[in-house]
Each structure stands twice: as structure tokens, then as C-alpha cells.
Amino acid sequence: HAAEMIEPGQVVFVDGGTTALQLARNLPQNLHATIITHSPHVALELLNHASIEVELVGGKLLRHSVVTGGAATVAWLDRYRPDICFLGAAGLHPDQGITTGVSEDAEVKRAVIARSGSALLLASSEKFGAVSSFKIARWENVDGMIVAVDARAKATELFAHLGCEIHSGAIS
């Protein structure tokens, strides 16, 4: 579903992680867009998409998630104003907000949200109700969430009243 939301000509930030990698794998071969990512895995996945321009954001490699992070990455991100961003998170809690387990990762995600026209979460159901150590954002800072079809009802129950639009599609 996330891949279908990207329009030709858009500048899009795609986070790291397994769900973001699935997004990259499902982008149409003929899509003309610019994808910004701090994930070497996502960048490599897009190598064979000749019509997609890939911008790989530099910085310190965070080994736990194989993305770049830290002050250099945040400074690098200041060059961009994505139309839309697709982000993952370790925890999605109705009261505690959107969280992750690494502070540098939270900094990058906050910077991307602040610079993007629209922010969407790629969420697997095991993240629902979980809380990690570092806050990424409050619910009013994101525009929506994309979940697997079988998780839509639970996501709607937990997060729709917070102003988070729930989209569903296949998530591998």
C-alpha cells in the first residue's frame, strides 16, 4: 500500500528496517521519483530501479539497524524537504507516543518528520502498545499509519482517536 502512495516526481524518505525494505521491493519499476534513505539495504534494493534517483544519507553507521545516525546524518538531512516520509518505530503506544530504542535513531526520525510534507508510519502489530526508551514523536506529528490488513481493526481501536489515519495493506 505504501508503494502505491508514492506519486511520480515525488521526493520520498524511506527509513531502514524490514518493513521499509519491503516498501522498496514493491516500488514499480517504472516509477520516476527520488528516494532518500539512510539505509544501505534500502539503497541497494533500489539499484535496479533505473528511473528512481537514490540519495543515500551519510553519517555514523548504527550497527543494530544498519542505518546512519547521529549529528552528521541530521545535518545531512537539512538539505532535503521530502514530500512524504515512511518511518518505522520500535514502540507505538497511545499515551507514550512513537518510540525507538536508540537515541541517534530517534533524532534522525524527528528530523525527517520535521522536514517532510507528510509522515507515515510503517507498523507491524507487535509494535502496538510497546514503549521504547527514546521518543520519536507525538501522534499529532504523524499523518497516518500503514498496517497489515489483519491488524487494521486493532490499530484503529488504539490510534485512530489520536488523529492517526489508518491505512492497510500487505506487510511482509
N, C-alpha and C. Protein backbone atom coordinates (compact mmCIF):
# COMPACT_ATOMS: atom_id res chain seq x y z
N HIS A 1 0.83 -1.20 0.00
CA HIS A 1 0.00 0.00 0.00
C HIS A 1 0.87 1.26 0.00
N ALA A 2 1.94 1.25 0.78
CA ALA A 2 2.84 2.42 0.84
C ALA A 2 3.43 2.70 -0.53
N ALA A 3 3.83 1.67 -1.25
CA ALA A 3 4.42 1.85 -2.58
C ALA A 3 3.43 2.52 -3.53
N GLU A 4 2.15 2.20 -3.39
CA GLU A 4 1.11 2.79 -4.23
C GLU A 4 0.86 4.26 -3.90
N MET A 5 1.26 4.70 -2.72
CA MET A 5 1.03 6.08 -2.30
C MET A 5 2.05 7.06 -2.89
N ILE A 6 3.15 6.53 -3.41
CA ILE A 6 4.20 7.39 -3.97
C ILE A 6 3.84 7.77 -5.39
N GLU A 7 3.80 9.07 -5.63
CA GLU A 7 3.43 9.59 -6.94
C GLU A 7 4.67 9.93 -7.76
N PRO A 8 4.55 9.84 -9.08
CA PRO A 8 5.69 10.20 -9.94
C PRO A 8 6.19 11.62 -9.64
N GLY A 9 7.51 11.75 -9.61
CA GLY A 9 8.12 13.05 -9.38
C GLY A 9 8.31 13.42 -7.91
N GLN A 10 7.77 12.63 -7.00
CA GLN A 10 7.91 12.97 -5.58
C GLN A 10 9.32 12.70 -5.06
N VAL A 11 9.65 13.43 -4.01
CA VAL A 11 10.86 13.20 -3.23
C VAL A 11 10.38 12.53 -1.94
N VAL A 12 10.91 11.32 -1.67
CA VAL A 12 10.39 10.48 -0.59
C VAL A 12 11.53 10.00 0.29
N PHE A 13 11.35 10.08 1.62
CA PHE A 13 12.31 9.49 2.54
C PHE A 13 11.79 8.12 2.94
N VAL A 14 12.65 7.11 2.84
CA VAL A 14 12.32 5.75 3.27
C VAL A 14 13.30 5.36 4.37
N ASP A 15 12.78 5.04 5.52
CA ASP A 15 13.55 4.64 6.69
C ASP A 15 14.23 3.29 6.44
N GLY A 16 14.96 2.81 7.42
CA GLY A 16 15.53 1.48 7.37
C GLY A 16 14.59 0.49 8.04
N GLY A 17 15.00 -0.76 8.08
CA GLY A 17 14.21 -1.81 8.73
C GLY A 17 13.55 -2.72 7.72
N THR A 18 13.00 -3.80 8.22
CA THR A 18 12.45 -4.84 7.36
C THR A 18 11.20 -4.37 6.60
N THR A 19 10.35 -3.60 7.24
CA THR A 19 9.14 -3.14 6.57
C THR A 19 9.48 -2.12 5.50
N ALA A 20 10.43 -1.23 5.78
CA ALA A 20 10.87 -0.25 4.77
C ALA A 20 11.51 -0.97 3.57
N LEU A 21 12.23 -2.04 3.84
CA LEU A 21 12.83 -2.82 2.76
C LEU A 21 11.74 -3.43 1.87
N GLN A 22 10.64 -3.87 2.49
CA GLN A 22 9.52 -4.39 1.70
C GLN A 22 8.90 -3.30 0.84
N LEU A 23 8.83 -2.08 1.38
CA LEU A 23 8.34 -0.95 0.59
C LEU A 23 9.22 -0.78 -0.65
N ALA A 24 10.53 -0.75 -0.46
CA ALA A 24 11.46 -0.58 -1.58
C ALA A 24 11.28 -1.70 -2.61
N ARG A 25 11.10 -2.93 -2.14
CA ARG A 25 10.93 -4.07 -3.05
C ARG A 25 9.66 -3.99 -3.87
N ASN A 26 8.67 -3.27 -3.36
CA ASN A 26 7.38 -3.20 -4.04
C ASN A 26 7.18 -1.94 -4.88
N LEU A 27 8.20 -1.11 -5.01
CA LEU A 27 8.08 0.07 -5.85
C LEU A 27 8.03 -0.36 -7.32
N PRO A 28 7.14 0.25 -8.09
CA PRO A 28 7.05 -0.12 -9.51
C PRO A 28 8.35 0.19 -10.25
N GLN A 29 8.72 -0.67 -11.17
CA GLN A 29 9.95 -0.49 -11.95
C GLN A 29 9.94 0.81 -12.76
N ASN A 30 8.77 1.28 -13.13
CA ASN A 30 8.69 2.48 -13.97
C ASN A 30 8.45 3.76 -13.17
N LEU A 31 8.51 3.70 -11.86
CA LEU A 31 8.29 4.89 -11.03
C LEU A 31 9.44 5.87 -11.18
N HIS A 32 9.12 7.11 -11.51
CA HIS A 32 10.11 8.18 -11.57
C HIS A 32 9.96 8.98 -10.29
N ALA A 33 10.92 8.84 -9.39
CA ALA A 33 10.87 9.53 -8.10
C ALA A 33 12.29 9.59 -7.54
N THR A 34 12.44 10.38 -6.49
CA THR A 34 13.71 10.43 -5.76
C THR A 34 13.46 9.81 -4.39
N ILE A 35 14.26 8.82 -4.06
CA ILE A 35 14.17 8.18 -2.74
C ILE A 35 15.40 8.57 -1.95
N ILE A 36 15.15 9.15 -0.80
CA ILE A 36 16.21 9.48 0.16
C ILE A 36 16.15 8.42 1.25
N THR A 37 17.29 7.88 1.62
CA THR A 37 17.31 6.88 2.69
C THR A 37 18.62 6.95 3.45
N HIS A 38 18.59 6.53 4.69
CA HIS A 38 19.82 6.39 5.47
C HIS A 38 20.13 4.91 5.69
N SER A 39 19.48 4.07 4.88
CA SER A 39 19.64 2.63 4.96
C SER A 39 20.39 2.10 3.74
N PRO A 40 21.60 1.57 3.94
CA PRO A 40 22.30 0.94 2.81
C PRO A 40 21.49 -0.19 2.18
N HIS A 41 20.73 -0.94 3.00
CA HIS A 41 19.91 -2.04 2.47
C HIS A 41 18.85 -1.53 1.50
N VAL A 42 18.17 -0.44 1.89
CA VAL A 42 17.14 0.13 1.00
C VAL A 42 17.79 0.66 -0.27
N ALA A 43 18.93 1.36 -0.14
CA ALA A 43 19.62 1.89 -1.31
C ALA A 43 20.02 0.76 -2.28
N LEU A 44 20.55 -0.31 -1.75
CA LEU A 44 20.95 -1.44 -2.60
C LEU A 44 19.74 -2.09 -3.26
N GLU A 45 18.64 -2.17 -2.55
CA GLU A 45 17.42 -2.74 -3.11
C GLU A 45 16.96 -1.95 -4.34
N LEU A 46 17.23 -0.65 -4.35
CA LEU A 46 16.77 0.22 -5.42
C LEU A 46 17.76 0.35 -6.58
N LEU A 47 18.89 -0.34 -6.51
CA LEU A 47 19.90 -0.25 -7.56
C LEU A 47 19.35 -0.55 -8.96
N ASN A 48 18.46 -1.50 -9.06
CA ASN A 48 17.95 -1.91 -10.36
C ASN A 48 16.71 -1.14 -10.82
N HIS A 49 16.31 -0.14 -10.05
CA HIS A 49 15.20 0.74 -10.45
C HIS A 49 15.81 1.93 -11.20
N ALA A 50 15.96 1.81 -12.49
CA ALA A 50 16.67 2.81 -13.29
C ALA A 50 16.01 4.19 -13.25
N SER A 51 14.71 4.25 -13.02
CA SER A 51 14.01 5.53 -13.04
C SER A 51 13.89 6.17 -11.65
N ILE A 52 14.46 5.52 -10.64
CA ILE A 52 14.45 6.08 -9.28
C ILE A 52 15.83 6.63 -8.97
N GLU A 53 15.87 7.89 -8.61
CA GLU A 53 17.10 8.53 -8.15
C GLU A 53 17.23 8.20 -6.66
N VAL A 54 18.38 7.71 -6.25
CA VAL A 54 18.59 7.33 -4.84
C VAL A 54 19.60 8.27 -4.21
N GLU A 55 19.23 8.86 -3.10
CA GLU A 55 20.12 9.70 -2.29
C GLU A 55 20.37 8.95 -0.99
N LEU A 56 21.61 8.52 -0.78
CA LEU A 56 21.98 7.81 0.44
C LEU A 56 22.59 8.80 1.42
N VAL A 57 21.95 8.95 2.57
CA VAL A 57 22.36 9.91 3.59
C VAL A 57 23.50 9.32 4.41
N GLY A 58 24.56 10.09 4.59
CA GLY A 58 25.72 9.63 5.32
C GLY A 58 25.61 9.85 6.82
N GLY A 59 26.66 9.47 7.51
CA GLY A 59 26.73 9.60 8.97
C GLY A 59 27.30 8.35 9.59
N LYS A 60 27.23 8.28 10.89
CA LYS A 60 27.73 7.14 11.65
C LYS A 60 26.83 5.92 11.42
N LEU A 61 27.43 4.78 11.10
CA LEU A 61 26.65 3.57 10.89
C LEU A 61 26.20 3.01 12.24
N LEU A 62 24.90 2.88 12.40
CA LEU A 62 24.33 2.26 13.60
C LEU A 62 24.14 0.78 13.30
N ARG A 63 24.98 -0.03 13.89
CA ARG A 63 25.04 -1.46 13.54
C ARG A 63 23.76 -2.22 13.85
N HIS A 64 23.05 -1.83 14.91
CA HIS A 64 21.86 -2.59 15.30
C HIS A 64 20.79 -2.62 14.21
N SER A 65 20.69 -1.52 13.46
CA SER A 65 19.64 -1.45 12.45
C SER A 65 20.18 -1.18 11.04
N VAL A 66 21.48 -1.09 10.90
CA VAL A 66 22.16 -0.85 9.63
C VAL A 66 21.58 0.38 8.93
N VAL A 67 21.58 1.50 9.66
CA VAL A 67 21.24 2.81 9.13
C VAL A 67 22.28 3.80 9.65
N THR A 68 22.32 4.98 9.04
CA THR A 68 23.20 6.01 9.56
C THR A 68 22.44 6.85 10.57
N GLY A 69 23.18 7.42 11.51
CA GLY A 69 22.54 8.24 12.55
C GLY A 69 23.54 9.21 13.14
N GLY A 70 23.07 10.00 14.08
CA GLY A 70 23.93 10.95 14.75
C GLY A 70 23.89 12.33 14.12
N ALA A 71 24.73 13.21 14.63
CA ALA A 71 24.73 14.62 14.24
C ALA A 71 25.01 14.80 12.75
N ALA A 72 25.92 14.02 12.19
CA ALA A 72 26.25 14.16 10.77
C ALA A 72 25.04 13.82 9.89
N THR A 73 24.31 12.80 10.26
CA THR A 73 23.13 12.40 9.49
C THR A 73 22.05 13.48 9.57
N VAL A 74 21.82 14.00 10.77
CA VAL A 74 20.82 15.06 10.94
C VAL A 74 21.21 16.29 10.13
N ALA A 75 22.48 16.67 10.15
CA ALA A 75 22.95 17.82 9.36
C ALA A 75 22.75 17.56 7.88
N TRP A 76 23.04 16.36 7.42
CA TRP A 76 22.87 15.98 6.02
C TRP A 76 21.40 16.11 5.61
N LEU A 77 20.50 15.70 6.50
CA LEU A 77 19.07 15.74 6.20
C LEU A 77 18.54 17.16 6.00
N ASP A 78 19.27 18.15 6.49
CA ASP A 78 18.82 19.53 6.35
C ASP A 78 18.77 19.97 4.89
N ARG A 79 19.39 19.22 3.99
CA ARG A 79 19.39 19.53 2.56
C ARG A 79 18.06 19.18 1.89
N TYR A 80 17.24 18.38 2.53
CA TYR A 80 16.06 17.80 1.89
C TYR A 80 14.75 18.30 2.49
N ARG A 81 13.73 18.29 1.65
CA ARG A 81 12.36 18.56 2.07
C ARG A 81 11.47 17.53 1.37
N PRO A 82 11.43 16.30 1.90
CA PRO A 82 10.65 15.25 1.24
C PRO A 82 9.15 15.59 1.19
N ASP A 83 8.53 15.15 0.13
CA ASP A 83 7.07 15.28 0.04
C ASP A 83 6.41 14.39 1.08
N ILE A 84 6.98 13.22 1.26
CA ILE A 84 6.41 12.24 2.18
C ILE A 84 7.55 11.40 2.75
N CYS A 85 7.38 10.94 3.98
CA CYS A 85 8.35 10.02 4.56
C CYS A 85 7.62 8.80 5.12
N PHE A 86 8.31 7.67 5.06
CA PHE A 86 7.80 6.41 5.58
C PHE A 86 8.78 5.94 6.64
N LEU A 87 8.31 5.85 7.88
CA LEU A 87 9.18 5.55 9.02
C LEU A 87 8.71 4.34 9.79
N GLY A 88 9.68 3.66 10.39
CA GLY A 88 9.38 2.58 11.32
C GLY A 88 9.59 3.07 12.74
N ALA A 89 9.19 2.27 13.70
CA ALA A 89 9.37 2.58 15.11
C ALA A 89 9.38 1.28 15.90
N ALA A 90 10.02 1.30 17.06
CA ALA A 90 10.05 0.11 17.91
C ALA A 90 8.81 0.02 18.79
N GLY A 91 8.24 1.18 19.14
CA GLY A 91 7.08 1.20 20.00
C GLY A 91 6.04 2.20 19.54
N LEU A 92 4.78 1.77 19.59
CA LEU A 92 3.65 2.62 19.23
C LEU A 92 2.62 2.52 20.35
N HIS A 93 2.59 3.53 21.19
CA HIS A 93 1.74 3.50 22.38
C HIS A 93 0.78 4.68 22.35
N PRO A 94 -0.51 4.46 22.63
CA PRO A 94 -1.46 5.56 22.57
C PRO A 94 -1.11 6.74 23.48
N ASP A 95 -0.55 6.47 24.65
CA ASP A 95 -0.23 7.54 25.61
C ASP A 95 1.22 7.99 25.53
N GLN A 96 2.15 7.08 25.31
CA GLN A 96 3.57 7.40 25.31
C GLN A 96 4.10 7.84 23.95
N GLY A 97 3.32 7.67 22.91
CA GLY A 97 3.73 8.13 21.59
C GLY A 97 4.52 7.09 20.82
N ILE A 98 5.34 7.60 19.91
CA ILE A 98 6.10 6.78 18.97
C ILE A 98 7.55 6.77 19.46
N THR A 99 8.10 5.58 19.66
CA THR A 99 9.42 5.47 20.29
C THR A 99 10.32 4.49 19.56
N THR A 100 11.61 4.59 19.91
CA THR A 100 12.62 3.67 19.38
C THR A 100 13.65 3.41 20.47
N GLY A 101 14.49 2.42 20.27
CA GLY A 101 15.43 2.01 21.29
C GLY A 101 16.80 2.68 21.26
N VAL A 102 17.06 3.53 20.25
CA VAL A 102 18.38 4.15 20.10
C VAL A 102 18.19 5.65 19.90
N SER A 103 18.88 6.44 20.70
CA SER A 103 18.67 7.89 20.66
C SER A 103 19.03 8.50 19.31
N GLU A 104 20.13 8.04 18.67
CA GLU A 104 20.51 8.58 17.36
C GLU A 104 19.44 8.30 16.31
N ASP A 105 18.80 7.16 16.42
CA ASP A 105 17.72 6.81 15.50
C ASP A 105 16.52 7.74 15.72
N ALA A 106 16.20 8.02 16.96
CA ALA A 106 15.10 8.94 17.27
C ALA A 106 15.38 10.33 16.71
N GLU A 107 16.62 10.79 16.84
CA GLU A 107 17.00 12.11 16.31
C GLU A 107 16.78 12.19 14.80
N VAL A 108 17.20 11.17 14.09
CA VAL A 108 17.04 11.15 12.64
C VAL A 108 15.56 11.17 12.27
N LYS A 109 14.78 10.34 12.92
CA LYS A 109 13.35 10.26 12.60
C LYS A 109 12.64 11.59 12.90
N ARG A 110 12.99 12.23 14.01
CA ARG A 110 12.41 13.55 14.33
C ARG A 110 12.77 14.57 13.25
N ALA A 111 14.02 14.55 12.81
CA ALA A 111 14.47 15.49 11.78
C ALA A 111 13.72 15.25 10.47
N VAL A 112 13.51 14.01 10.10
CA VAL A 112 12.81 13.69 8.87
C VAL A 112 11.35 14.14 8.96
N ILE A 113 10.69 13.86 10.06
CA ILE A 113 9.29 14.27 10.24
C ILE A 113 9.17 15.79 10.12
N ALA A 114 10.08 16.51 10.76
CA ALA A 114 10.03 17.98 10.74
C ALA A 114 10.20 18.56 9.34
N ARG A 115 10.90 17.85 8.47
CA ARG A 115 11.21 18.37 7.14
C ARG A 115 10.28 17.84 6.05
N SER A 116 9.41 16.90 6.38
CA SER A 116 8.57 16.25 5.38
C SER A 116 7.17 16.86 5.31
N GLY A 117 6.62 16.84 4.10
CA GLY A 117 5.26 17.31 3.92
C GLY A 117 4.24 16.42 4.60
N SER A 118 4.52 15.13 4.64
CA SER A 118 3.63 14.15 5.25
C SER A 118 4.47 13.04 5.85
N ALA A 119 4.06 12.53 7.00
CA ALA A 119 4.80 11.47 7.69
C ALA A 119 3.87 10.28 7.94
N LEU A 120 4.30 9.11 7.47
CA LEU A 120 3.53 7.89 7.65
C LEU A 120 4.38 6.83 8.33
N LEU A 121 3.76 6.10 9.23
CA LEU A 121 4.44 5.02 9.93
C LEU A 121 4.17 3.71 9.23
N LEU A 122 5.21 2.90 9.07
CA LEU A 122 5.07 1.52 8.60
C LEU A 122 5.08 0.67 9.86
N ALA A 123 3.95 0.08 10.19
CA ALA A 123 3.82 -0.53 11.53
C ALA A 123 3.37 -1.98 11.47
N SER A 124 4.14 -2.83 12.12
CA SER A 124 3.71 -4.21 12.31
C SER A 124 3.05 -4.30 13.69
N SER A 125 2.10 -5.20 13.83
CA SER A 125 1.24 -5.22 15.02
C SER A 125 1.98 -5.50 16.32
N GLU A 126 3.14 -6.15 16.27
CA GLU A 126 3.86 -6.40 17.53
C GLU A 126 4.39 -5.12 18.17
N LYS A 127 4.38 -4.01 17.42
CA LYS A 127 4.82 -2.72 17.97
C LYS A 127 3.70 -2.02 18.73
N PHE A 128 2.43 -2.43 18.51
CA PHE A 128 1.29 -1.80 19.14
C PHE A 128 1.37 -1.96 20.66
N GLY A 129 1.27 -0.87 21.38
CA GLY A 129 1.30 -0.90 22.84
C GLY A 129 2.69 -0.94 23.43
N ALA A 130 3.71 -1.13 22.61
CA ALA A 130 5.09 -1.19 23.11
C ALA A 130 5.63 0.23 23.30
N VAL A 131 6.57 0.35 24.24
CA VAL A 131 7.25 1.61 24.51
C VAL A 131 8.74 1.33 24.57
N SER A 132 9.52 2.10 23.83
CA SER A 132 10.98 2.01 23.90
C SER A 132 11.53 3.25 24.58
N SER A 133 12.82 3.31 24.73
CA SER A 133 13.47 4.32 25.58
C SER A 133 13.47 5.75 25.04
N PHE A 134 13.42 5.92 23.72
CA PHE A 134 13.60 7.26 23.16
C PHE A 134 12.41 7.67 22.30
N LYS A 135 11.86 8.82 22.63
CA LYS A 135 10.67 9.32 21.94
C LYS A 135 11.04 9.88 20.57
N ILE A 136 10.28 9.46 19.59
CA ILE A 136 10.40 9.98 18.23
C ILE A 136 9.45 11.16 18.07
N ALA A 137 8.17 10.92 18.34
CA ALA A 137 7.17 11.94 18.09
C ALA A 137 5.89 11.65 18.88
N ARG A 138 5.05 12.69 18.93
CA ARG A 138 3.69 12.53 19.45
C ARG A 138 2.80 12.18 18.25
N TRP A 139 1.63 11.71 18.52
CA TRP A 139 0.73 11.28 17.45
C TRP A 139 0.34 12.42 16.52
N GLU A 140 0.25 13.63 17.04
CA GLU A 140 -0.14 14.75 16.18
C GLU A 140 0.95 15.12 15.17
N ASN A 141 2.15 14.56 15.33
CA ASN A 141 3.25 14.84 14.40
C ASN A 141 3.27 13.91 13.18
N VAL A 142 2.43 12.88 13.19
CA VAL A 142 2.38 11.97 12.05
C VAL A 142 0.99 12.03 11.42
N ASP A 143 0.95 11.72 10.13
CA ASP A 143 -0.31 11.82 9.39
C ASP A 143 -1.06 10.51 9.30
N GLY A 144 -0.36 9.41 9.45
CA GLY A 144 -1.04 8.14 9.33
C GLY A 144 -0.12 6.97 9.57
N MET A 145 -0.72 5.79 9.48
CA MET A 145 -0.02 4.54 9.74
C MET A 145 -0.48 3.52 8.71
N ILE A 146 0.48 2.74 8.21
CA ILE A 146 0.16 1.66 7.29
C ILE A 146 0.42 0.35 8.02
N VAL A 147 -0.62 -0.48 8.08
CA VAL A 147 -0.55 -1.74 8.81
C VAL A 147 -1.04 -2.86 7.91
N ALA A 148 -0.74 -4.08 8.31
CA ALA A 148 -1.26 -5.25 7.60
C ALA A 148 -2.78 -5.27 7.74
N VAL A 149 -3.44 -5.86 6.75
CA VAL A 149 -4.90 -5.92 6.74
C VAL A 149 -5.44 -6.51 8.04
N ASP A 150 -4.81 -7.57 8.53
CA ASP A 150 -5.32 -8.22 9.74
C ASP A 150 -5.05 -7.43 11.02
N ALA A 151 -4.29 -6.35 10.94
CA ALA A 151 -4.02 -5.51 12.11
C ALA A 151 -4.81 -4.20 12.08
N ARG A 152 -5.56 -3.98 11.03
CA ARG A 152 -6.26 -2.70 10.87
C ARG A 152 -7.24 -2.42 12.01
N ALA A 153 -8.05 -3.40 12.39
CA ALA A 153 -9.05 -3.18 13.44
C ALA A 153 -8.38 -2.78 14.75
N LYS A 154 -7.32 -3.48 15.13
CA LYS A 154 -6.61 -3.16 16.38
C LYS A 154 -5.96 -1.79 16.30
N ALA A 155 -5.35 -1.46 15.17
CA ALA A 155 -4.71 -0.16 15.00
C ALA A 155 -5.75 0.95 15.08
N THR A 156 -6.90 0.74 14.47
CA THR A 156 -7.97 1.74 14.51
C THR A 156 -8.45 1.95 15.94
N GLU A 157 -8.62 0.86 16.67
CA GLU A 157 -9.05 0.94 18.07
C GLU A 157 -8.05 1.72 18.92
N LEU A 158 -6.76 1.47 18.73
CA LEU A 158 -5.73 2.09 19.57
C LEU A 158 -5.35 3.51 19.16
N PHE A 159 -5.35 3.81 17.85
CA PHE A 159 -4.70 5.03 17.40
C PHE A 159 -5.58 6.01 16.60
N ALA A 160 -6.70 5.58 16.05
CA ALA A 160 -7.50 6.47 15.21
C ALA A 160 -8.00 7.68 15.98
N HIS A 161 -8.37 7.51 17.24
CA HIS A 161 -8.88 8.64 18.03
C HIS A 161 -7.79 9.70 18.29
N LEU A 162 -6.55 9.36 18.00
CA LEU A 162 -5.43 10.28 18.20
C LEU A 162 -5.17 11.11 16.93
N GLY A 163 -6.00 10.95 15.92
CA GLY A 163 -5.84 11.70 14.69
C GLY A 163 -4.97 11.00 13.67
N CYS A 164 -4.65 9.75 13.93
CA CYS A 164 -3.79 8.97 13.03
C CYS A 164 -4.66 8.20 12.04
N GLU A 165 -4.54 8.53 10.76
CA GLU A 165 -5.29 7.83 9.74
C GLU A 165 -4.68 6.44 9.54
N ILE A 166 -5.51 5.42 9.53
CA ILE A 166 -5.03 4.04 9.41
C ILE A 166 -5.26 3.54 7.98
N HIS A 167 -4.16 3.13 7.35
CA HIS A 167 -4.21 2.52 6.02
C HIS A 167 -3.80 1.06 6.19
N SER A 168 -4.33 0.19 5.36
CA SER A 168 -3.90 -1.21 5.47
C SER A 168 -3.48 -1.74 4.12
N GLY A 169 -2.54 -2.64 4.20
CA GLY A 169 -2.02 -3.30 3.01
C GLY A 169 -1.17 -4.46 3.46
N ALA A 170 -0.67 -5.20 2.53
CA ALA A 170 0.16 -6.36 2.84
C ALA A 170 1.51 -5.87 3.38
N ILE A 171 1.89 -6.37 4.54
CA ILE A 171 3.21 -6.08 5.12
C ILE A 171 3.89 -7.43 5.36
N SER A 172 5.06 -7.59 4.79
CA SER A 172 5.79 -8.85 4.95
C SER A 172 6.85 -8.73 6.00
